[in-house]
Structures are given as C-alpha cells and as structure tokens.
Amino acid sequence: MTRTVNRPVGDGTPLPRTSVPRHRRVAELMTHQVYAIEPDADFAAALAALRETGHEDLPVVDRQGRPMGIVCASDLLAKLAATALPEASVFETRRTREIRRRAGAVAVSELMSTPVCTVTAQDTAAEAALLALRHRIHHLPVVDEHHRLVGLVTLNDLLAALRRTDAEIEAEVRVVALGYEFGVKAATLHVTCERGRVLLDARTSLRSQAEHLVGRVRTVEGVVDLAETVRWDIDDSLRPGAPKA
C-alpha cells in the first residue's frame, strides 16, 4: 500500500533562521508531503505510485513510518530490460545477473535498495549534499527524532542554498571578514561579488588569521570562486629562531 506522509518537524515549531553566517537547514528546503510505500506492496502498486508522484525514487517505510529502503524507477525497469537480454550464460556480468534478479521480483521488499541514507530537518544543506554525493543518490528521506519519515529533500532542493544574489553573498563575506577572530583592519577590507565570484582584499594582524579567513570565505553559501589579496602584519608561521625565507 502507499501512504502520504505530512508530519510537522519536531513539535511543529519553525526552526530559527540566523542571518550570518548563513547555513540553510534541510527544514527550509525539503518537501513535507511525501508519498511512501510499504514493503509488502507489489510491483503494480509501486509502478502506480511512481507514476502518481512523478518521482524516480519512493521511500519504503514500515508500519511505524520509519524508512527501510528506497524503490527506484530503475528497479522496476529491470523487468522490461530483462526481456532484451540474451539467454542466460555463466559468463554474465554481475550487473546483468542483478537485472535478472530484479526482473523476477514481485514484492517491494525484493525490489528496494538498502540500507537507506537519511537526514534530519536540523542538518545543514551542506551536510545533506555531502551525504547525497558520497552515496550517489538523488533523494534523501528526512526523519524525526524517532526515525519516522517527515519529508524528502532532493538534489534540486539542495541547490536552493546556492541560489543567492551577489548582494547577499557580498554582505555575508563582509560580516564574516570583520569577525574578531580574523583581526581584519576594517579600513583595509574591500569586497565585491559578481555572479558568485568574490574579490576579497584585506589585511589581518597574523598570517594564520589570513589563511583562516580565506578558508572561511570559501565556505560561504553561494560563493562560486574566490580571488583574494589578503595580507598580514606578522608571519606567525615562523618558529622562533627559524630563518626567514
């Protein structure tokens, strides 16, 4: 059977949005209304659910609504693809044998891929993106503190974290650069941004602060490239008594 999941995140209280530094949360990007299917559903039910949702991936949940796996359009296509395969041979590749196996599956429990990678609403978009890329998946089920399905976030959803105006990016870089830990002299700070490309000119007290600043600016959401001329007053990378280059 299929079900629609539309639960509030946590107690239903919206997550606070901080201005700077900006780290978009999954809760801001995910789809709250999600179609899911149970493992005892059959092939026909899975086929109908994928057509109804228009998605290529469908979470499989147990009776408590906890994700158990993912059934994909490619899993169902194995039944069609297998009809184009030649007669079975002992020299078949592992992938071909897997297509034959999935083609013979009837229940969703036989079709689904496991284990399933999940995120929480409090995870950052960056953390979710890293998980998706590491595991080469396009949809991430979002779970609550009881590991129940509460939403779904896609790669396209996560891209929204990068869709910022140049003015927004420039403003955040300025605020970040003037953080006390970087020791930037305000009069030396110059920042511009065009199409996500940031130009940063500044002077810090220490070389280590300059290096830390450059690394931090690269993590600002929406920064596509960084060209910097960050200088420093004291090279604290040199050990006492070490010869200068």
C-alpha atoms as a PDB file:
ATOM      1  CA  MET A   1       0.000   0.000   0.000  1.00  0.00           C
ATOM      2  CA  THR A   2       1.009   3.622  -0.409  1.00  0.00           C
ATOM      3  CA  ARG A   3       0.619   6.414   2.091  1.00  0.00           C
ATOM      4  CA  THR A   4       1.090  10.147   2.211  1.00  0.00           C
ATOM      5  CA  VAL A   5       3.348  11.479   4.957  1.00  0.00           C
ATOM      6  CA  ASN A   6       2.744  15.041   6.092  1.00  0.00           C
ATOM      7  CA  ARG A   7       4.031  15.349   9.637  1.00  0.00           C
ATOM      8  CA  PRO A   8       5.313  18.520  11.323  1.00  0.00           C
ATOM      9  CA  VAL A   9       9.017  18.619  12.049  1.00  0.00           C
ATOM     10  CA  GLY A  10       9.666  18.024  15.743  1.00  0.00           C
ATOM     11  CA  ASP A  11       6.929  19.785  17.724  1.00  0.00           C
ATOM     12  CA  GLY A  12       5.875  21.858  14.750  1.00  0.00           C
ATOM     13  CA  THR A  13       7.819  24.939  15.820  1.00  0.00           C
ATOM     14  CA  PRO A  14       9.678  26.542  12.883  1.00  0.00           C
ATOM     15  CA  LEU A  15      13.438  26.417  13.113  1.00  0.00           C
ATOM     16  CA  PRO A  16      15.046  29.801  13.843  1.00  0.00           C
ATOM     17  CA  ARG A  17      16.722  31.448  10.842  1.00  0.00           C
ATOM     18  CA  THR A  18      20.030  33.093  11.533  1.00  0.00           C
ATOM     19  CA  SER A  19      21.268  35.863   9.287  1.00  0.00           C
ATOM     20  CA  VAL A  20      25.060  35.437   9.285  1.00  0.00           C
ATOM     21  CA  PRO A  21      26.741  33.098   8.879  1.00  0.00           C
ATOM     22  CA  ARG A  22      24.016  31.561   6.762  1.00  0.00           C
ATOM     23  CA  HIS A  23      23.702  27.785   6.862  1.00  0.00           C
ATOM     24  CA  ARG A  24      20.488  26.664   5.233  1.00  0.00           C
ATOM     25  CA  ARG A  25      18.805  23.786   7.019  1.00  0.00           C
ATOM     26  CA  VAL A  26      17.087  20.829   5.414  1.00  0.00           C
ATOM     27  CA  ALA A  27      13.843  22.000   7.076  1.00  0.00           C
ATOM     28  CA  GLU A  28      13.853  25.092   4.840  1.00  0.00           C
ATOM     29  CA  LEU A  29      14.304  23.125   1.633  1.00  0.00           C
ATOM     30  CA  MET A  30      12.525  19.795   1.987  1.00  0.00           C
ATOM     31  CA  THR A  31       9.122  18.676   0.736  1.00  0.00           C
ATOM     32  CA  HIS A  32       6.851  17.925   3.679  1.00  0.00           C
ATOM     33  CA  GLN A  33       4.191  15.957   1.812  1.00  0.00           C
ATOM     34  CA  VAL A  34       5.778  12.672   0.792  1.00  0.00           C
ATOM     35  CA  TYR A  35       4.407   9.526  -0.803  1.00  0.00           C
ATOM     36  CA  ALA A  36       5.776   6.319   0.684  1.00  0.00           C
ATOM     37  CA  ILE A  37       5.115   2.631   0.125  1.00  0.00           C
ATOM     38  CA  GLU A  38       5.203  -0.383   2.424  1.00  0.00           C
ATOM     39  CA  PRO A  39       7.456  -3.399   1.789  1.00  0.00           C
ATOM     40  CA  ASP A  40       4.585  -5.851   1.280  1.00  0.00           C
ATOM     41  CA  ALA A  41       3.175  -3.825  -1.622  1.00  0.00           C
ATOM     42  CA  ASP A  42       3.523  -5.461  -5.034  1.00  0.00           C
ATOM     43  CA  PHE A  43       5.119  -4.410  -8.309  1.00  0.00           C
ATOM     44  CA  ALA A  44       1.896  -2.935  -9.699  1.00  0.00           C
ATOM     45  CA  ALA A  45       1.429  -0.737  -6.613  1.00  0.00           C
ATOM     46  CA  ALA A  46       4.989   0.560  -6.866  1.00  0.00           C
ATOM     47  CA  LEU A  47       4.563   1.281 -10.570  1.00  0.00           C
ATOM     48  CA  ALA A  48       1.340   3.214  -9.917  1.00  0.00           C
ATOM     49  CA  ALA A  49       2.902   5.171  -7.031  1.00  0.00           C
ATOM     50  CA  LEU A  50       5.893   6.301  -9.093  1.00  0.00           C
ATOM     51  CA  ARG A  51       3.585   7.415 -11.877  1.00  0.00           C
ATOM     52  CA  GLU A  52       1.334   9.295  -9.441  1.00  0.00           C
ATOM     53  CA  THR A  53       4.167  11.146  -7.714  1.00  0.00           C
ATOM     54  CA  GLY A  54       6.258  11.829 -10.813  1.00  0.00           C
ATOM     55  CA  HIS A  55       9.361  10.911  -8.776  1.00  0.00           C
ATOM     56  CA  GLU A  56      12.008   8.375  -9.704  1.00  0.00           C
ATOM     57  CA  ASP A  57      12.550   7.289  -6.095  1.00  0.00           C
ATOM     58  CA  LEU A  58       9.999   6.244  -3.488  1.00  0.00           C
ATOM     59  CA  PRO A  59      10.734   5.691   0.222  1.00  0.00           C
ATOM     60  CA  VAL A  60       9.754   2.318   1.638  1.00  0.00           C
ATOM     61  CA  VAL A  61       8.534   2.537   5.243  1.00  0.00           C
ATOM     62  CA  ASP A  62       7.482   0.100   7.940  1.00  0.00           C
ATOM     63  CA  ARG A  63       4.159   0.326   9.792  1.00  0.00           C
ATOM     64  CA  GLN A  64       5.612   2.951  12.144  1.00  0.00           C
ATOM     65  CA  GLY A  65       6.584   5.133   9.199  1.00  0.00           C
ATOM     66  CA  ARG A  66      10.328   4.501   9.521  1.00  0.00           C
ATOM     67  CA  PRO A  67      12.316   4.304   6.262  1.00  0.00           C
ATOM     68  CA  MET A  68      13.523   0.812   5.381  1.00  0.00           C
ATOM     69  CA  GLY A  69      14.766   1.373   1.853  1.00  0.00           C
ATOM     70  CA  ILE A  70      14.195   3.094  -1.479  1.00  0.00           C
ATOM     71  CA  VAL A  71      12.486   1.698  -4.566  1.00  0.00           C
ATOM     72  CA  CYS A  72      13.540   3.404  -7.810  1.00  0.00           C
ATOM     73  CA  ALA A  73      12.225   3.583 -11.344  1.00  0.00           C
ATOM     74  CA  SER A  74      15.375   1.745 -12.432  1.00  0.00           C
ATOM     75  CA  ASP A  75      14.430  -1.149 -10.128  1.00  0.00           C
ATOM     76  CA  LEU A  76      11.101  -1.527 -11.922  1.00  0.00           C
ATOM     77  CA  LEU A  77      12.656  -1.062 -15.366  1.00  0.00           C
ATOM     78  CA  ALA A  78      14.665  -4.247 -14.806  1.00  0.00           C
ATOM     79  CA  LYS A  79      11.537  -6.203 -15.676  1.00  0.00           C
ATOM     80  CA  LEU A  80      11.419  -4.503 -19.087  1.00  0.00           C
ATOM     81  CA  ALA A  81      15.191  -4.512 -19.640  1.00  0.00           C
ATOM     82  CA  ALA A  82      15.430  -8.244 -18.941  1.00  0.00           C
ATOM     83  CA  THR A  83      13.300  -9.008 -21.991  1.00  0.00           C
ATOM     84  CA  ALA A  84      16.103  -7.605 -24.164  1.00  0.00           C
ATOM     85  CA  LEU A  85      18.790  -9.770 -22.573  1.00  0.00           C
ATOM     86  CA  PRO A  86      20.209 -12.793 -24.419  1.00  0.00           C
ATOM     87  CA  GLU A  87      19.819 -16.271 -22.984  1.00  0.00           C
ATOM     88  CA  ALA A  88      21.454 -16.679 -19.563  1.00  0.00           C
ATOM     89  CA  SER A  89      25.158 -17.595 -19.570  1.00  0.00           C
ATOM     90  CA  VAL A  90      27.775 -18.470 -16.956  1.00  0.00           C
ATOM     91  CA  PHE A  91      29.881 -15.606 -18.331  1.00  0.00           C
ATOM     92  CA  GLU A  92      27.333 -12.901 -17.469  1.00  0.00           C
ATOM     93  CA  THR A  93      28.479  -9.834 -15.578  1.00  0.00           C
ATOM     94  CA  ARG A  94      27.367  -9.177 -12.031  1.00  0.00           C
ATOM     95  CA  ARG A  95      25.240  -6.275 -13.276  1.00  0.00           C
ATOM     96  CA  THR A  96      23.416  -8.479 -15.785  1.00  0.00           C
ATOM     97  CA  ARG A  97      22.707 -11.075 -13.090  1.00  0.00           C
ATOM     98  CA  GLU A  98      21.355  -8.292 -10.870  1.00  0.00           C
ATOM     99  CA  ILE A  99      19.000  -7.155 -13.653  1.00  0.00           C
ATOM    100  CA  ARG A 100      17.691 -10.712 -13.974  1.00  0.00           C
ATOM    101  CA  ARG A 101      17.188 -10.942 -10.212  1.00  0.00           C
ATOM    102  CA  ARG A 102      15.250  -7.689 -10.020  1.00  0.00           C
ATOM    103  CA  ALA A 103      13.201  -8.668 -13.060  1.00  0.00           C
ATOM    104  CA  GLY A 104      11.929 -11.664 -11.132  1.00  0.00           C
ATOM    105  CA  ALA A 105      10.967  -9.619  -8.072  1.00  0.00           C
ATOM    106  CA  VAL A 106       7.300  -9.042  -7.250  1.00  0.00           C
ATOM    107  CA  ALA A 107       7.184  -7.501  -3.771  1.00  0.00           C
ATOM    108  CA  VAL A 108       8.636  -4.088  -2.956  1.00  0.00           C
ATOM    109  CA  SER A 109      10.757  -5.740  -0.254  1.00  0.00           C
ATOM    110  CA  GLU A 110      12.551  -7.633  -3.061  1.00  0.00           C
ATOM    111  CA  LEU A 111      12.926  -4.546  -5.243  1.00  0.00           C
ATOM    112  CA  MET A 112      14.059  -1.898  -2.753  1.00  0.00           C
ATOM    113  CA  SER A 113      17.645  -0.835  -2.184  1.00  0.00           C
ATOM    114  CA  THR A 114      19.019  -0.954   1.350  1.00  0.00           C
ATOM    115  CA  PRO A 115      20.336   0.476   3.587  1.00  0.00           C
ATOM    116  CA  VAL A 116      18.649   3.843   3.189  1.00  0.00           C
ATOM    117  CA  CYS A 117      20.533   7.091   3.854  1.00  0.00           C
ATOM    118  CA  THR A 118      18.516   9.651   5.817  1.00  0.00           C
ATOM    119  CA  VAL A 119      18.928  13.191   7.134  1.00  0.00           C
ATOM    120  CA  THR A 120      17.137  15.235   9.772  1.00  0.00           C
ATOM    121  CA  ALA A 121      15.449  18.594   9.371  1.00  0.00           C
ATOM    122  CA  GLN A 122      18.170  20.176  11.525  1.00  0.00           C
ATOM    123  CA  ASP A 123      21.002  19.010   9.274  1.00  0.00           C
ATOM    124  CA  THR A 124      22.518  21.681   7.050  1.00  0.00           C
ATOM    125  CA  ALA A 125      22.093  21.668   3.296  1.00  0.00           C
ATOM    126  CA  ALA A 126      25.860  21.188   3.035  1.00  0.00           C
ATOM    127  CA  GLU A 127      25.765  18.054   5.205  1.00  0.00           C
ATOM    128  CA  ALA A 128      22.874  16.631   3.178  1.00  0.00           C
ATOM    129  CA  ALA A 129      24.647  17.420  -0.102  1.00  0.00           C
ATOM    130  CA  LEU A 130      27.808  15.647   1.072  1.00  0.00           C
ATOM    131  CA  LEU A 131      25.817  12.547   2.031  1.00  0.00           C
ATOM    132  CA  ALA A 132      23.976  12.511  -1.308  1.00  0.00           C
ATOM    133  CA  LEU A 133      27.163  12.852  -3.351  1.00  0.00           C
ATOM    134  CA  ARG A 134      29.076  10.266  -1.350  1.00  0.00           C
ATOM    135  CA  HIS A 135      26.344   7.677  -1.867  1.00  0.00           C
ATOM    136  CA  ARG A 136      25.334   8.811  -5.375  1.00  0.00           C
ATOM    137  CA  ILE A 137      21.665   9.262  -4.522  1.00  0.00           C
ATOM    138  CA  HIS A 138      19.174  11.874  -5.693  1.00  0.00           C
ATOM    139  CA  HIS A 139      16.562  11.826  -2.919  1.00  0.00           C
ATOM    140  CA  LEU A 140      17.123  11.807   0.839  1.00  0.00           C
ATOM    141  CA  PRO A 141      14.314  10.864   3.232  1.00  0.00           C
ATOM    142  CA  VAL A 142      14.065  13.286   6.162  1.00  0.00           C
ATOM    143  CA  VAL A 143      13.358  11.690   9.551  1.00  0.00           C
ATOM    144  CA  ASP A 144      12.414  12.965  13.007  1.00  0.00           C
ATOM    145  CA  GLU A 145      13.924  12.049  16.370  1.00  0.00           C
ATOM    146  CA  HIS A 146      12.042   8.711  16.272  1.00  0.00           C
ATOM    147  CA  HIS A 147      13.403   7.962  12.781  1.00  0.00           C
ATOM    148  CA  ARG A 148       9.932   8.392  11.266  1.00  0.00           C
ATOM    149  CA  LEU A 149       9.643   9.815   7.774  1.00  0.00           C
ATOM    150  CA  VAL A 150       8.652  13.513   7.826  1.00  0.00           C
ATOM    151  CA  GLY A 151       9.769  14.704   4.385  1.00  0.00           C
ATOM    152  CA  LEU A 152      12.023  14.338   1.393  1.00  0.00           C
ATOM    153  CA  VAL A 153      14.830  16.524   0.073  1.00  0.00           C
ATOM    154  CA  THR A 154      16.193  16.250  -3.469  1.00  0.00           C
ATOM    155  CA  LEU A 155      19.400  17.424  -5.095  1.00  0.00           C
ATOM    156  CA  ASN A 156      17.480  20.212  -6.791  1.00  0.00           C
ATOM    157  CA  ASP A 157      16.066  21.274  -3.418  1.00  0.00           C
ATOM    158  CA  LEU A 158      19.598  21.471  -2.001  1.00  0.00           C
ATOM    159  CA  LEU A 159      20.743  23.650  -4.889  1.00  0.00           C
ATOM    160  CA  ALA A 160      18.486  26.381  -3.491  1.00  0.00           C
ATOM    161  CA  ALA A 161      21.171  27.001  -0.848  1.00  0.00           C
ATOM    162  CA  LEU A 162      23.436  28.270  -3.646  1.00  0.00           C
ATOM    163  CA  ARG A 163      20.834  30.465  -5.338  1.00  0.00           C
ATOM    164  CA  ARG A 164      21.745  33.807  -3.753  1.00  0.00           C
ATOM    165  CA  THR A 165      22.119  37.309  -5.094  1.00  0.00           C
ATOM    166  CA  ASP A 166      25.560  38.871  -5.362  1.00  0.00           C
ATOM    167  CA  ALA A 167      24.468  41.466  -2.796  1.00  0.00           C
ATOM    168  CA  GLU A 168      23.584  38.741  -0.260  1.00  0.00           C
ATOM    169  CA  ILE A 169      26.902  36.967  -0.752  1.00  0.00           C
ATOM    170  CA  GLU A 170      28.896  40.195  -0.563  1.00  0.00           C
ATOM    171  CA  ALA A 171      27.129  41.252   2.637  1.00  0.00           C
ATOM    172  CA  GLU A 172      27.842  37.930   4.339  1.00  0.00           C
ATOM    173  CA  VAL A 173      31.506  37.940   3.296  1.00  0.00           C
ATOM    174  CA  ARG A 174      31.882  41.413   4.828  1.00  0.00           C
ATOM    175  CA  VAL A 175      30.339  40.345   8.126  1.00  0.00           C
ATOM    176  CA  VAL A 176      32.425  37.165   8.218  1.00  0.00           C
ATOM    177  CA  ALA A 177      35.659  39.043   7.450  1.00  0.00           C
ATOM    178  CA  LEU A 178      35.066  41.514  10.278  1.00  0.00           C
ATOM    179  CA  GLY A 179      34.725  38.747  12.852  1.00  0.00           C
ATOM    180  CA  TYR A 180      37.094  39.337  15.770  1.00  0.00           C
ATOM    181  CA  GLU A 181      38.900  36.037  15.204  1.00  0.00           C
ATOM    182  CA  PHE A 182      40.311  37.217  11.888  1.00  0.00           C
ATOM    183  CA  GLY A 183      41.804  40.517  13.109  1.00  0.00           C
ATOM    184  CA  VAL A 184      40.907  42.331   9.867  1.00  0.00           C
ATOM    185  CA  LYS A 185      41.533  46.063   9.839  1.00  0.00           C
ATOM    186  CA  ALA A 186      38.162  47.467   8.701  1.00  0.00           C
ATOM    187  CA  ALA A 187      39.737  50.243   6.637  1.00  0.00           C
ATOM    188  CA  THR A 188      41.587  47.649   4.537  1.00  0.00           C
ATOM    189  CA  LEU A 189      38.553  45.494   3.742  1.00  0.00           C
ATOM    190  CA  HIS A 190      37.201  45.593   0.193  1.00  0.00           C
ATOM    191  CA  VAL A 191      34.699  43.021  -1.090  1.00  0.00           C
ATOM    192  CA  THR A 192      32.880  42.720  -4.399  1.00  0.00           C
ATOM    193  CA  CYS A 193      30.839  39.880  -5.869  1.00  0.00           C
ATOM    194  CA  GLU A 194      29.727  39.272  -9.433  1.00  0.00           C
ATOM    195  CA  ARG A 195      27.848  36.129 -10.483  1.00  0.00           C
ATOM    196  CA  GLY A 196      29.056  34.376  -7.347  1.00  0.00           C
ATOM    197  CA  ARG A 197      32.724  35.267  -7.921  1.00  0.00           C
ATOM    198  CA  VAL A 198      34.101  37.095  -4.891  1.00  0.00           C
ATOM    199  CA  LEU A 199      37.031  39.522  -4.901  1.00  0.00           C
ATOM    200  CA  LEU A 200      38.454  39.958  -1.395  1.00  0.00           C
ATOM    201  CA  ASP A 201      41.128  42.437  -0.370  1.00  0.00           C
ATOM    202  CA  ALA A 202      42.033  42.804   3.314  1.00  0.00           C
ATOM    203  CA  ARG A 203      44.820  42.953   5.870  1.00  0.00           C
ATOM    204  CA  THR A 204      44.980  40.914   9.072  1.00  0.00           C
ATOM    205  CA  SER A 205      47.246  41.028  12.089  1.00  0.00           C
ATOM    206  CA  LEU A 206      48.584  37.473  11.678  1.00  0.00           C
ATOM    207  CA  ARG A 207      49.274  35.203   8.721  1.00  0.00           C
ATOM    208  CA  SER A 208      47.321  32.381  10.373  1.00  0.00           C
ATOM    209  CA  GLN A 209      44.298  34.694  10.582  1.00  0.00           C
ATOM    210  CA  ALA A 210      44.599  35.492   6.884  1.00  0.00           C
ATOM    211  CA  GLU A 211      44.697  31.807   5.965  1.00  0.00           C
ATOM    212  CA  HIS A 212      41.740  31.060   8.243  1.00  0.00           C
ATOM    213  CA  LEU A 213      39.766  33.944   6.725  1.00  0.00           C
ATOM    214  CA  VAL A 214      40.316  32.764   3.149  1.00  0.00           C
ATOM    215  CA  GLY A 215      39.217  29.254   4.077  1.00  0.00           C
ATOM    216  CA  ARG A 216      36.116  30.548   5.849  1.00  0.00           C
ATOM    217  CA  VAL A 217      35.031  32.796   2.979  1.00  0.00           C
ATOM    218  CA  ARG A 218      35.219  29.845   0.583  1.00  0.00           C
ATOM    219  CA  THR A 219      32.523  28.130   2.694  1.00  0.00           C
ATOM    220  CA  VAL A 220      30.019  30.982   2.362  1.00  0.00           C
ATOM    221  CA  GLU A 221      26.972  29.571   0.605  1.00  0.00           C
ATOM    222  CA  GLY A 222      26.765  30.799  -2.977  1.00  0.00           C
ATOM    223  CA  VAL A 223      30.472  31.570  -3.451  1.00  0.00           C
ATOM    224  CA  VAL A 224      31.455  30.130  -6.824  1.00  0.00           C
ATOM    225  CA  ASP A 225      35.050  31.352  -6.872  1.00  0.00           C
ATOM    226  CA  LEU A 226      37.337  33.489  -4.706  1.00  0.00           C
ATOM    227  CA  ALA A 227      40.140  35.788  -5.805  1.00  0.00           C
ATOM    228  CA  GLU A 228      41.913  37.249  -2.795  1.00  0.00           C
ATOM    229  CA  THR A 229      44.776  39.518  -1.855  1.00  0.00           C
ATOM    230  CA  VAL A 230      44.780  39.081   1.896  1.00  0.00           C
ATOM    231  CA  ARG A 231      47.963  40.337   3.552  1.00  0.00           C
ATOM    232  CA  TRP A 232      49.164  40.228   7.155  1.00  0.00           C
ATOM    233  CA  ASP A 233      51.400  42.208   9.531  1.00  0.00           C
ATOM    234  CA  ILE A 234      53.091  39.313  11.356  1.00  0.00           C
ATOM    235  CA  ASP A 235      54.053  35.947   9.920  1.00  0.00           C
ATOM    236  CA  ASP A 236      53.292  33.693  12.891  1.00  0.00           C
ATOM    237  CA  SER A 237      54.015  30.584  10.832  1.00  0.00           C
ATOM    238  CA  LEU A 238      57.731  31.042  11.518  1.00  0.00           C
ATOM    239  CA  ARG A 239      59.086  29.265  14.563  1.00  0.00           C
ATOM    240  CA  PRO A 240      61.247  31.338  16.946  1.00  0.00           C
ATOM    241  CA  GLY A 241      64.805  31.317  15.654  1.00  0.00           C
ATOM    242  CA  ALA A 242      63.828  29.842  12.271  1.00  0.00           C
ATOM    243  CA  PRO A 243      65.487  31.577   9.297  1.00  0.00           C
ATOM    244  CA  LYS A 244      63.211  33.792   7.231  1.00  0.00           C
ATOM    245  CA  ALA A 245      62.704  32.930   3.586  1.00  0.00           C
END
